[in-house]
């Protein structure tokens, strides 16, 4: 198994459990592993499901999240992804961003010196630090940077209610 690059570890394109796949009941941390039985192609992305089939892994989208006085702002690099291919789901206390970055391979695998860009599906779910008004949320993409603006719910806002009576005058 090849050592994953920093970017692969950072973006989650290679899950942490795959790093330790070679450590099973027969091996303990620090034991030597027979490299002949543990070989994978350099670009192999896999996840053994219940039937033993191989499926492509989803990467985790790196984000910045901060607040202003009236909103929570989330920024993410989504270069190479069409805005129509992004799926953003918002609840009052959570945001999920999903998308797919399609690879257009211009050369065969043997001609690459480095392969560090992440291609394929990605997702990220963030728990928000406070509730937001989902109907006023906005998202825009410019030059590959996605910015989501989530207005905070104003918990201190109040209004006066007028009490109506159902009693008809004169009866």
Protein backbone atom coordinates (compact mmCIF):
# COMPACT_ATOMS: atom_id res chain seq x y z
CA UNK A 1 0.00 0.00 0.00
CA UNK A 2 1.45 3.39 -0.98
CA UNK A 3 1.72 6.14 1.59
CA UNK A 4 -1.06 8.69 0.98
CA UNK A 5 -0.03 12.26 0.19
CA UNK A 6 -0.68 15.12 2.60
CA UNK A 7 -3.51 16.34 0.34
CA UNK A 8 -5.14 12.90 0.30
CA UNK A 9 -5.10 12.84 4.10
CA UNK A 10 -6.31 16.46 4.28
CA UNK A 11 -9.21 16.07 1.85
CA UNK A 12 -10.20 12.64 3.07
CA UNK A 13 -9.83 11.06 -0.36
CA UNK A 14 -8.21 8.08 1.38
CA UNK A 15 -10.08 7.16 4.58
CA UNK A 16 -8.01 6.74 7.73
CA UNK A 17 -9.20 3.15 8.19
CA UNK A 18 -7.55 2.24 4.84
CA UNK A 19 -4.15 3.26 6.23
CA UNK A 20 -4.44 0.56 8.85
CA UNK A 21 -6.10 -2.09 6.68
CA UNK A 22 -2.95 -4.17 6.82
CA UNK A 23 -3.16 -4.30 10.61
CA UNK A 24 -5.47 -7.15 11.41
CA UNK A 25 -5.62 -9.85 14.09
CA UNK A 26 -2.38 -11.37 12.79
CA UNK A 27 -0.41 -8.11 12.89
CA UNK A 28 0.26 -5.57 15.56
CA UNK A 29 1.48 -2.02 15.11
CA UNK A 30 5.18 -2.04 14.26
CA UNK A 31 5.21 -5.62 12.87
CA UNK A 32 6.69 -6.17 9.43
CA UNK A 33 4.15 -6.79 6.67
CA UNK A 34 4.72 -9.05 3.68
CA UNK A 35 4.68 -6.56 0.78
CA UNK A 36 4.02 -9.31 -1.77
CA UNK A 37 0.58 -10.02 -0.32
CA UNK A 38 -0.26 -6.34 0.26
CA UNK A 39 -0.03 -4.70 -3.16
CA UNK A 40 -2.38 -2.11 -4.62
CA UNK A 41 -2.20 -0.04 -7.76
CA UNK A 42 -1.25 3.59 -7.14
CA UNK A 43 -4.60 5.05 -8.17
CA UNK A 44 -6.85 2.37 -6.72
CA UNK A 45 -9.77 3.84 -4.77
CA UNK A 46 -11.86 1.24 -3.09
CA UNK A 47 -14.23 0.42 -0.32
CA UNK A 48 -15.21 -3.17 0.22
CA UNK A 49 -18.93 -3.24 0.80
CA UNK A 50 -20.93 -6.10 2.25
CA UNK A 51 -20.78 -8.06 -1.03
CA UNK A 52 -17.04 -7.57 -1.40
CA UNK A 53 -17.44 -5.23 -4.39
CA UNK A 54 -15.25 -2.19 -4.84
CA UNK A 55 -16.85 1.27 -4.89
CA UNK A 56 -15.31 4.72 -5.11
CA UNK A 57 -14.74 6.67 -1.90
CA UNK A 58 -16.17 10.13 -1.24
CA UNK A 59 -13.75 12.83 -0.21
CA UNK A 60 -14.41 15.32 2.56
CA UNK A 61 -14.68 18.91 1.39
CA UNK A 62 -12.38 21.27 3.35
CA UNK A 63 -14.20 24.42 4.49
CA UNK A 64 -13.79 27.67 6.43
CA UNK A 65 -16.67 28.64 8.71
CA UNK A 66 -16.88 31.92 10.63
CA UNK A 67 -19.47 34.34 11.95
CA UNK A 68 -20.28 38.00 11.59
CA UNK A 69 -22.70 39.92 13.82
CA UNK A 70 -25.72 38.74 11.82
CA UNK A 71 -24.67 35.65 9.83
CA UNK A 72 -22.62 32.47 9.67
CA UNK A 73 -20.40 32.27 6.58
CA UNK A 74 -19.11 29.01 5.05
CA UNK A 75 -16.47 29.03 2.30
CA UNK A 76 -15.22 26.05 0.30
CA UNK A 77 -13.08 25.56 -2.79
CA UNK A 78 -15.18 23.84 -5.44
CA UNK A 79 -13.08 24.57 -8.52
CA UNK A 80 -13.96 22.27 -11.39
CA UNK A 81 -17.52 21.71 -10.15
CA UNK A 82 -20.45 23.31 -11.93
CA UNK A 83 -22.73 25.26 -9.54
CA UNK A 84 -25.66 23.21 -10.85
CA UNK A 85 -23.87 20.03 -9.70
CA UNK A 86 -23.66 21.21 -6.08
CA UNK A 87 -26.30 20.01 -3.62
CA UNK A 88 -26.59 22.14 -0.47
CA UNK A 89 -29.04 21.03 2.23
CA UNK A 90 -29.75 23.35 5.15
CA UNK A 91 -31.60 22.85 8.42
CA UNK A 92 -31.75 25.33 11.29
CA UNK A 93 -28.62 23.82 12.85
CA UNK A 94 -26.81 21.87 10.09
CA UNK A 95 -25.49 22.27 6.51
CA UNK A 96 -24.54 19.49 4.09
CA UNK A 97 -22.63 20.21 0.86
CA UNK A 98 -22.37 17.47 -1.81
CA UNK A 99 -20.91 17.45 -5.29
CA UNK A 100 -18.84 15.61 -7.87
CA UNK A 101 -15.63 16.77 -9.49
CA UNK A 102 -15.38 14.95 -12.83
CA UNK A 103 -11.93 14.04 -14.13
CA UNK A 104 -11.05 14.75 -17.73
CA UNK A 105 -7.94 12.65 -18.21
CA UNK A 106 -5.70 14.08 -20.92
CA UNK A 107 -3.03 11.39 -20.75
CA UNK A 108 -2.71 7.83 -19.60
CA UNK A 109 -1.73 6.94 -16.03
CA UNK A 110 1.85 5.99 -16.95
CA UNK A 111 2.67 9.56 -17.99
CA UNK A 112 1.87 11.18 -14.62
CA UNK A 113 4.68 12.33 -12.32
CA UNK A 114 2.28 13.45 -9.53
CA UNK A 115 -1.41 12.79 -8.93
CA UNK A 116 -2.61 14.86 -6.01
CA UNK A 117 -5.85 16.44 -7.22
CA UNK A 118 -9.05 14.93 -5.86
CA UNK A 119 -11.57 13.69 -8.42
CA UNK A 120 -14.92 12.16 -7.66
CA UNK A 121 -17.69 12.70 -5.17
CA UNK A 122 -17.31 14.77 -2.03
CA UNK A 123 -19.49 15.69 0.89
CA UNK A 124 -19.28 17.72 4.06
CA UNK A 125 -21.78 18.07 6.90
CA UNK A 126 -21.31 20.90 9.39
CA UNK A 127 -23.14 21.39 12.66
CA UNK A 128 -23.81 25.10 13.02
CA UNK A 129 -22.87 26.87 16.26
CA UNK A 130 -26.31 28.51 16.40
CA UNK A 131 -29.65 28.39 14.61
CA UNK A 132 -30.09 30.12 11.25
CA UNK A 133 -33.01 31.38 9.17
CA UNK A 134 -33.02 28.84 6.34
CA UNK A 135 -35.41 30.79 4.09
CA UNK A 136 -32.95 33.70 3.88
CA UNK A 137 -29.82 31.63 3.21
CA UNK A 138 -27.80 32.46 0.09
CA UNK A 139 -25.07 30.64 -1.83
CA UNK A 140 -22.84 31.95 -4.59
CA UNK A 141 -19.82 30.62 -6.47
CA UNK A 142 -17.14 32.86 -7.94
CA UNK A 143 -13.85 31.67 -9.45
CA UNK A 144 -14.18 28.25 -7.80
CA UNK A 145 -14.93 29.60 -4.30
CA UNK A 146 -18.33 28.68 -2.86
CA UNK A 147 -19.68 31.09 -0.24
CA UNK A 148 -22.78 30.27 1.78
CA UNK A 149 -24.31 33.06 3.90
CA UNK A 150 -26.65 31.86 6.66
CA UNK A 151 -28.45 34.66 8.56
CA UNK A 152 -28.56 33.99 12.30
CA UNK A 153 -31.89 33.51 14.03
CA UNK A 154 -32.51 36.60 16.19
CA UNK A 155 -33.58 35.09 19.50
CA UNK A 156 -33.89 38.52 21.14
CA UNK A 157 -36.42 39.82 18.62
CA UNK A 158 -39.87 40.30 20.08
CA UNK A 159 -43.22 41.66 19.03
CA UNK A 160 -46.43 42.72 20.77
CA UNK A 161 -49.54 40.64 20.21
CA UNK A 162 -53.01 42.21 20.24
CA UNK A 163 -55.59 40.11 22.03
CA UNK A 164 -58.80 39.55 20.05
CA UNK A 165 -62.06 38.67 21.64
CA UNK A 166 -64.68 36.35 20.20
CA UNK A 167 -67.45 38.02 22.20
CA UNK A 168 -69.94 39.80 19.92
CA UNK A 169 -71.09 43.20 21.20
CA UNK A 170 -74.72 43.43 22.34
CA UNK A 171 -75.23 39.80 23.27
